Each structure stands twice: as structure tokens, then as C-alpha cells.
């Protein structure tokens, strides 16, 4: 579930929405003429993603801010206030993203809105937990990714037992640009890398299978 609206906190401050967001409503924000959000910085599975925001515009009026309860903050504004958070229910796997700023007016400064939506959809559709790096885990093992990458992409696969592993690196067009693993891995921890030589900064996808489980992780390259 995706919730969005500058007054989503204020309008629902007395409702039962908050256990489903993993956040706490903190404040209502200032009027647009005073201004609230100039830019946002990503964290967690949005690490390395940043946007400018139309400060003192109509979209910047009464922008709510949040704190973390059982969820995770994935975007904060220039003043350190939480503006977008995510939540994974550990028992049901129910996932939410809650935003007090409008996706449609994010001003691209390197990362595109399309790349951010890819990260959002990756969070919603994978079987793993918050940050796309931990949480519910896999039946045969787990995978974590270091973000952002610079000279090379790094992924760590931890296996409870031997398993086939097919992991590739893909750009936003779906073109395979590197291979982490193609074959069987023994039990234990495996640190896998793909060189970033010749690749431009941006968002990539680490995707494939571990055992019979489909996995997908977003990776951000900053040079």
C-alpha cells in the first residue's frame, strides 16, 4: 500500500492508520509561503537517491513530518525531518510506503523518478524485508547489497547449505551488464563483486535466483 499527501499525517492523526505505516505523526509543517522541503536525501533501500523539491510552491504547504516507530525512514528533508517512511509487517509480510511529499513534482538531480519508482516496486514485490537487505529472508539463505557502489558492485550471499546461484547485474533498460555468479555455491558466506568500469552513475538491479527463490535488489552507482 502506498500513502501520499502533504496532510496525510494531520488528517489521520486520530485514526488507526499508524500501525500500518510503522511511523509516528510528528507535526503539520508550515504554510507554503514559509516553506518546508527544499530537497530530500534517501536512506535504507533508497540510499544514494536524492531529489530537489519545489520549495514554497503549492506542493510545499503544510508538509507533515514523521518519526520512526516500527518502520524505517527512507527520505528526510534538508532539516533532518522524516518525510517518507516504509514498513514491513513481520508476520503477514504487509508492506507500506507513506509519503508527505508529492512524487510527481520531485526535481531530478541525477536519479530519475522512474528509477525511484523501480526501487519502490522492488520493495513491494520482493519477498525480503525492509531495505531489501534483511527481514523475512530466504528459505535457503539471504542476500545483502552495499549501497551506494563506486568502483564495483558488492553483494553478499549467505547460504545455509549448498545451492545453485544465478545472479546478474542489469541496467534500467533490462540489459545484463555483469554477472555475480553462475553455478553452485557451498554453504557459508560469499562476497560477490562486479566491476563498475564503463558503467555510468545511476540505478541498477541485481537479479536472479538463489536455489529456487527469485531475488531482486536495487543497487545505486555513484562515481
Protein backbone atom coordinates (compact mmCIF):
# COMPACT_ATOMS: atom_id res chain seq x y z
CA UNK A 1 0.00 0.00 0.00
CA UNK A 2 1.28 3.46 -0.92
CA UNK A 3 0.02 6.52 1.02
CA UNK A 4 0.77 10.04 -0.22
CA UNK A 5 -0.35 13.55 0.73
CA UNK A 6 1.13 16.60 2.43
CA UNK A 7 -1.57 16.42 5.12
CA UNK A 8 -1.79 12.62 5.39
CA UNK A 9 -0.50 12.81 8.96
CA UNK A 10 -2.66 15.67 10.17
CA UNK A 11 -5.82 14.30 8.53
CA UNK A 12 -5.28 10.86 10.07
CA UNK A 13 -3.68 11.80 13.39
CA UNK A 14 -6.51 10.25 15.38
CA UNK A 15 -7.14 7.25 13.11
CA UNK A 16 -5.80 3.69 13.29
CA UNK A 17 -3.62 4.10 10.18
CA UNK A 18 -0.33 4.33 12.06
CA UNK A 19 0.22 0.66 12.98
CA UNK A 20 0.12 0.00 9.22
CA UNK A 21 2.78 2.63 8.45
CA UNK A 22 5.39 1.91 11.13
CA UNK A 23 5.63 5.68 11.69
CA UNK A 24 4.52 8.35 14.15
CA UNK A 25 2.94 11.62 13.06
CA UNK A 26 5.12 14.44 14.44
CA UNK A 27 3.97 17.76 13.01
CA UNK A 28 1.82 19.55 10.45
CA UNK A 29 4.51 21.67 8.80
CA UNK A 30 4.42 25.36 7.82
CA UNK A 31 2.44 27.24 5.19
CA UNK A 32 3.86 27.28 1.66
CA UNK A 33 4.96 30.93 1.91
CA UNK A 34 7.24 29.93 4.80
CA UNK A 35 8.36 26.73 3.11
CA UNK A 36 9.12 23.21 4.32
CA UNK A 37 11.06 21.00 1.90
CA UNK A 38 13.92 22.16 -0.33
CA UNK A 39 15.46 18.75 -1.03
CA UNK A 40 15.32 15.15 0.18
CA UNK A 41 18.02 12.56 0.86
CA UNK A 42 17.43 8.82 0.66
CA UNK A 43 18.33 6.14 3.21
CA UNK A 44 17.77 2.39 3.54
CA UNK A 45 16.76 0.90 0.19
CA UNK A 46 16.70 4.46 -1.18
CA UNK A 47 20.30 5.17 -0.17
CA UNK A 48 22.08 7.21 -2.84
CA UNK A 49 18.82 8.67 -4.22
CA UNK A 50 18.31 12.42 -3.81
CA UNK A 51 15.89 14.98 -5.27
CA UNK A 52 15.23 18.69 -5.08
CA UNK A 53 11.68 19.73 -4.17
CA UNK A 54 9.73 22.86 -5.26
CA UNK A 55 10.24 24.90 -2.07
CA UNK A 56 7.49 27.41 -1.24
CA UNK A 57 5.29 26.06 -4.03
CA UNK A 58 1.70 24.88 -3.59
CA UNK A 59 3.04 21.33 -3.11
CA UNK A 60 5.16 22.59 -0.19
CA UNK A 61 2.29 23.72 2.01
CA UNK A 62 1.79 22.09 5.42
CA UNK A 63 4.11 19.16 4.66
CA UNK A 64 3.82 16.71 7.56
CA UNK A 65 6.85 15.09 9.17
CA UNK A 66 7.18 11.68 10.76
CA UNK A 67 9.36 9.75 13.17
CA UNK A 68 10.10 6.02 13.14
CA UNK A 69 8.08 3.59 15.23
CA UNK A 70 8.44 0.03 13.90
CA UNK A 71 9.18 1.13 10.33
CA UNK A 72 12.13 2.76 8.61
CA UNK A 73 12.68 6.30 7.31
CA UNK A 74 13.72 6.29 3.66
CA UNK A 75 13.72 10.04 2.90
CA UNK A 76 14.49 13.05 5.10
CA UNK A 77 14.42 16.70 4.10
CA UNK A 78 17.26 19.24 4.39
CA UNK A 79 16.28 19.98 8.01
CA UNK A 80 16.56 16.32 9.07
CA UNK A 81 12.79 15.76 9.29
CA UNK A 82 11.35 12.45 8.12
CA UNK A 83 9.13 12.83 5.05
CA UNK A 84 8.84 9.28 3.61
CA UNK A 85 8.91 6.01 5.55
CA UNK A 86 8.30 2.33 4.86
CA UNK A 87 7.05 -0.60 6.91
CA UNK A 88 7.02 -4.39 6.66
CA UNK A 89 4.72 -6.36 8.94
CA UNK A 90 6.93 -9.25 10.13
CA UNK A 91 4.09 -11.75 10.43
CA UNK A 92 1.96 -11.10 7.34
CA UNK A 93 4.51 -9.50 5.01
CA UNK A 94 2.18 -6.50 4.53
CA UNK A 95 4.19 -3.52 3.19
CA UNK A 96 3.55 0.22 3.09
CA UNK A 97 5.28 3.39 1.95
CA UNK A 98 3.96 6.64 3.47
CA UNK A 99 4.93 9.99 1.94
CA UNK A 100 4.02 13.58 2.85
CA UNK A 101 5.63 14.90 -0.34
CA UNK A 102 4.36 14.51 -3.90
CA UNK A 103 6.24 12.08 -6.14
CA UNK A 104 5.10 13.83 -9.32
CA UNK A 105 6.95 17.08 -8.53
CA UNK A 106 10.30 15.61 -7.42
CA UNK A 107 13.00 17.58 -9.28
CA UNK A 108 15.60 15.24 -10.75
CA UNK A 109 19.21 15.99 -9.79
CA UNK A 110 20.80 12.76 -11.05
CA UNK A 111 18.43 9.97 -10.12
CA UNK A 112 15.18 9.95 -12.09
CA UNK A 113 11.66 9.49 -10.78
CA UNK A 114 11.47 6.35 -12.93
CA UNK A 115 14.45 4.88 -11.07
CA UNK A 116 12.87 5.71 -7.72
CA UNK A 117 9.63 4.03 -8.76
CA UNK A 118 11.69 0.96 -9.71
CA UNK A 119 13.08 0.95 -6.16
CA UNK A 120 9.58 1.30 -4.71
CA UNK A 121 8.24 -1.57 -6.82
CA UNK A 122 11.26 -3.70 -5.90
CA UNK A 123 10.43 -3.14 -2.22
CA UNK A 124 6.78 -4.06 -2.72
CA UNK A 125 7.30 -7.12 -4.90
CA UNK A 126 10.32 -8.91 -3.43
CA UNK A 127 9.93 -11.45 -0.63
CA UNK A 128 12.52 -9.80 1.58
CA UNK A 129 12.22 -7.25 4.33
CA UNK A 130 12.90 -3.58 4.90
CA UNK A 131 15.81 -2.08 2.94
CA UNK A 132 15.73 -5.05 0.56
CA UNK A 133 18.66 -6.39 2.55
CA UNK A 134 17.24 -8.18 5.58
CA UNK A 135 13.98 -9.22 7.17
CA UNK A 136 11.95 -12.26 6.21
CA UNK A 137 14.87 -13.84 4.40
CA UNK A 138 15.00 -16.83 2.07
CA UNK A 139 14.46 -20.50 2.81
CA UNK A 140 17.95 -21.37 1.53
CA UNK A 141 19.83 -18.24 2.50
CA UNK A 142 19.97 -14.45 2.28
CA UNK A 143 21.47 -11.71 0.13
CA UNK A 144 22.53 -8.17 1.03
CA UNK A 145 23.82 -5.38 -1.19
CA UNK A 146 26.16 -2.47 -0.40
CA UNK A 147 24.69 0.90 -1.46
CA UNK A 148 25.84 3.12 -2.95
CA UNK A 149 28.51 1.44 -5.09
CA UNK A 150 31.51 3.25 -6.54
CA UNK A 151 34.28 1.24 -8.24
CA UNK A 152 32.37 -2.04 -8.10
CA UNK A 153 29.05 -3.52 -7.06
CA UNK A 154 29.13 -5.77 -3.97
CA UNK A 155 26.64 -8.43 -2.92
CA UNK A 156 26.92 -10.86 -0.02
CA UNK A 157 25.14 -14.20 -0.23
CA UNK A 158 24.85 -16.33 2.92
CA UNK A 159 23.70 -19.93 2.43
CA UNK A 160 22.54 -22.46 4.98
CA UNK A 161 23.59 -25.24 2.57
CA UNK A 162 24.91 -25.74 -0.97
CA UNK A 163 22.67 -24.17 -3.61
CA UNK A 164 22.71 -23.09 -7.27
CA UNK A 165 23.12 -19.33 -7.69
CA UNK A 166 22.44 -17.27 -10.81
CA UNK A 167 22.83 -13.54 -10.18
CA UNK A 168 23.29 -10.86 -12.80
CA UNK A 169 23.57 -7.07 -12.87
CA UNK A 170 21.04 -5.23 -15.07
CA UNK A 171 20.61 -1.61 -16.12
CA UNK A 172 17.24 0.17 -16.09
CA UNK A 173 16.50 -0.98 -19.66
CA UNK A 174 16.80 -4.62 -18.54
CA UNK A 175 20.13 -5.20 -20.31
CA UNK A 176 22.51 -7.52 -18.46
CA UNK A 177 25.79 -5.68 -17.81
CA UNK A 178 27.57 -8.06 -15.44
CA UNK A 179 27.48 -11.45 -13.70
CA UNK A 180 27.90 -12.02 -9.96
CA UNK A 181 27.53 -15.78 -10.01
CA UNK A 182 26.53 -18.57 -12.39
CA UNK A 183 26.77 -22.02 -10.85
CA UNK A 184 26.66 -23.69 -7.44
CA UNK A 185 27.85 -22.16 -4.16
CA UNK A 186 28.81 -24.01 -1.00
CA UNK A 187 27.24 -23.23 2.37
CA UNK A 188 28.56 -20.15 4.15
CA UNK A 189 29.17 -16.51 3.25
CA UNK A 190 30.13 -15.46 -0.27
CA UNK A 191 31.21 -11.92 -1.13
CA UNK A 192 30.47 -11.31 -4.82
CA UNK A 193 31.50 -8.31 -6.92
CA UNK A 194 31.02 -6.89 -10.40
CA UNK A 195 33.27 -4.14 -11.74
CA UNK A 196 31.64 -0.79 -12.47
CA UNK A 197 34.19 0.07 -15.17
CA UNK A 198 32.47 1.53 -18.20
CA UNK A 199 29.14 1.98 -16.41
CA UNK A 200 27.57 5.36 -15.73
CA UNK A 201 26.15 6.53 -12.42
CA UNK A 202 22.54 5.54 -11.79
CA UNK A 203 20.30 2.76 -10.58
CA UNK A 204 20.88 -0.90 -11.45
CA UNK A 205 19.22 -4.16 -10.50
CA UNK A 206 20.85 -7.28 -9.07
CA UNK A 207 18.50 -10.07 -10.06
CA UNK A 208 18.38 -13.83 -10.43
CA UNK A 209 17.85 -16.95 -8.35
CA UNK A 210 19.31 -18.48 -5.21
CA UNK A 211 18.22 -22.09 -5.01
CA UNK A 212 14.66 -21.97 -6.32
CA UNK A 213 13.99 -18.47 -4.92
CA UNK A 214 13.75 -15.44 -7.21
CA UNK A 215 15.64 -12.43 -5.77
CA UNK A 216 15.93 -8.81 -6.83
CA UNK A 217 17.88 -5.95 -5.25
CA UNK A 218 18.36 -2.33 -6.28
CA UNK A 219 21.94 -1.06 -6.49
CA UNK A 220 22.95 2.59 -6.91
CA UNK A 221 26.23 3.52 -8.61
CA UNK A 222 27.83 6.86 -7.74
CA UNK A 223 31.07 7.85 -9.48
